[in-house]
C-alpha atoms as a PDB file:
ATOM      1  CA  MET A   1       0.000   0.000   0.000  1.00  0.00           C
ATOM      2  CA  SER A   2       2.815   2.406   0.815  1.00  0.00           C
ATOM      3  CA  PHE A   3       4.561   1.747  -2.515  1.00  0.00           C
ATOM      4  CA  LEU A   4       1.372   2.613  -4.383  1.00  0.00           C
ATOM      5  CA  ILE A   5       0.763   5.777  -2.370  1.00  0.00           C
ATOM      6  CA  SER A   6       4.325   7.041  -2.761  1.00  0.00           C
ATOM      7  CA  GLY A   7       4.584   6.275  -6.483  1.00  0.00           C
ATOM      8  CA  PHE A   8       7.968   4.709  -5.808  1.00  0.00           C
ATOM      9  CA  PRO A   9       9.892   4.974  -9.081  1.00  0.00           C
ATOM     10  CA  ASN A  10       9.101   8.716  -9.164  1.00  0.00           C
ATOM     11  CA  PRO A  11       8.676   9.610  -5.491  1.00  0.00           C
ATOM     12  CA  ARG A  12       6.289  12.391  -4.644  1.00  0.00           C
ATOM     13  CA  PRO A  13       5.550  13.897  -1.239  1.00  0.00           C
ATOM     14  CA  SER A  14       2.384  12.480   0.293  1.00  0.00           C
ATOM     15  CA  MET A  15       1.101  12.812   3.816  1.00  0.00           C
ATOM     16  CA  PHE A  16      -1.216   9.866   3.163  1.00  0.00           C
ATOM     17  CA  LEU A  17       1.769   7.659   4.040  1.00  0.00           C
ATOM     18  CA  LEU A  18       1.176   8.537   7.684  1.00  0.00           C
ATOM     19  CA  LEU A  19      -1.768   6.111   7.705  1.00  0.00           C
ATOM     20  CA  PRO A  20       0.276   3.004   6.746  1.00  0.00           C
ATOM     21  CA  ALA A  21       3.048   4.172   9.107  1.00  0.00           C
ATOM     22  CA  ALA A  22       0.586   4.419  11.996  1.00  0.00           C
ATOM     23  CA  MET A  23      -0.897   1.011  11.181  1.00  0.00           C
ATOM     24  CA  ALA A  24       2.567  -0.575  11.005  1.00  0.00           C
ATOM     25  CA  LEU A  25       3.535   1.050  14.300  1.00  0.00           C
ATOM     26  CA  TYR A  26       0.384  -0.308  15.942  1.00  0.00           C
ATOM     27  CA  GLY A  27       1.072  -3.752  14.458  1.00  0.00           C
ATOM     28  CA  THR A  28       4.601  -3.718  15.859  1.00  0.00           C
ATOM     29  CA  PHE A  29       3.271  -2.731  19.287  1.00  0.00           C
ATOM     30  CA  ASP A  30       0.669  -5.499  19.124  1.00  0.00           C
ATOM     31  CA  THR A  31       3.365  -8.044  18.221  1.00  0.00           C
ATOM     32  CA  LEU A  32       5.554  -6.839  21.101  1.00  0.00           C
ATOM     33  CA  ARG A  33       2.733  -7.594  23.529  1.00  0.00           C
ATOM     34  CA  CYS A  34       3.048 -11.286  22.652  1.00  0.00           C
ATOM     35  CA  LEU A  35       6.626 -11.572  23.940  1.00  0.00           C
ATOM     36  CA  ARG A  36       7.110 -13.695  27.034  1.00  0.00           C
ATOM     37  CA  LEU A  37       9.747 -13.339  29.724  1.00  0.00           C
ATOM     38  CA  ARG A  38      11.172 -16.859  29.396  1.00  0.00           C
ATOM     39  CA  TRP A  39      12.954 -17.961  26.273  1.00  0.00           C
ATOM     40  CA  SER A  40      11.188 -20.582  24.157  1.00  0.00           C
ATOM     41  CA  LEU A  41      10.634 -21.305  20.487  1.00  0.00           C
ATOM     42  CA  TYR A  42       7.458 -19.221  20.703  1.00  0.00           C
ATOM     43  CA  HIS A  43       9.503 -16.273  21.994  1.00  0.00           C
ATOM     44  CA  GLY A  44      11.993 -16.706  19.140  1.00  0.00           C
ATOM     45  CA  ARG A  45       9.233 -16.738  16.525  1.00  0.00           C
ATOM     46  CA  VAL A  46       7.644 -13.618  17.952  1.00  0.00           C
ATOM     47  CA  LEU A  47      11.047 -11.929  17.998  1.00  0.00           C
ATOM     48  CA  LEU A  48      11.473 -12.776  14.309  1.00  0.00           C
ATOM     49  CA  LEU A  49       8.067 -11.223  13.607  1.00  0.00           C
ATOM     50  CA  VAL A  50       9.080  -8.079  15.516  1.00  0.00           C
ATOM     51  CA  TYR A  51      12.198  -7.759  13.362  1.00  0.00           C
ATOM     52  CA  MET A  52      10.095  -8.117  10.194  1.00  0.00           C
ATOM     53  CA  ASP A  53       7.675  -5.466  11.469  1.00  0.00           C
ATOM     54  CA  LEU A  54      10.570  -3.106  12.152  1.00  0.00           C
ATOM     55  CA  MET A  55      11.946  -3.605   8.630  1.00  0.00           C
ATOM     56  CA  ALA A  56       8.527  -2.841   7.120  1.00  0.00           C
ATOM     57  CA  LEU A  57       8.186   0.219   9.356  1.00  0.00           C
ATOM     58  CA  ALA A  58      11.634   1.462   8.310  1.00  0.00           C
ATOM     59  CA  MET A  59      10.712   1.099   4.628  1.00  0.00           C
ATOM     60  CA  ILE A  60       7.454   2.992   5.096  1.00  0.00           C
ATOM     61  CA  LEU A  61       9.230   5.803   6.959  1.00  0.00           C
ATOM     62  CA  PHE A  62      11.878   5.924   4.218  1.00  0.00           C
ATOM     63  CA  LEU A  63       9.167   6.316   1.565  1.00  0.00           C
ATOM     64  CA  LEU A  64       7.536   9.013   3.694  1.00  0.00           C
ATOM     65  CA  LEU A  65      10.689  11.084   4.256  1.00  0.00           C
ATOM     66  CA  TYR A  66      12.645  10.491   1.023  1.00  0.00           C
ATOM     67  CA  PRO A  67      10.797  13.031  -1.206  1.00  0.00           C
ATOM     68  CA  TYR A  68      11.479  15.846   1.280  1.00  0.00           C
ATOM     69  CA  GLU A  69      15.254  15.387   1.073  1.00  0.00           C
ATOM     70  CA  GLY A  70      16.177  17.219  -2.127  1.00  0.00           C
ATOM     71  CA  TRP A  71      19.902  16.559  -1.801  1.00  0.00           C
ATOM     72  CA  LEU A  72      19.349  12.795  -2.019  1.00  0.00           C
ATOM     73  CA  GLN A  73      17.543  13.005  -5.361  1.00  0.00           C
ATOM     74  CA  GLN A  74      20.267  14.842  -7.262  1.00  0.00           C
END
């Protein structure tokens, strides 16, 4: 959804990317609630999901902030 909103090959500024960023942030928080204190395979799987959520969140924030940095596009 964020790739379509940003028009990735030709990035354009869009504040509509705040919606996917907020949803991804909430999803990461919801995944973090599933972590347990003791280590187990369940804990490891949830940790892997948290890392994937953080990578998706970083990509969405990159697509949100990239068009505003003019020196990167030249």
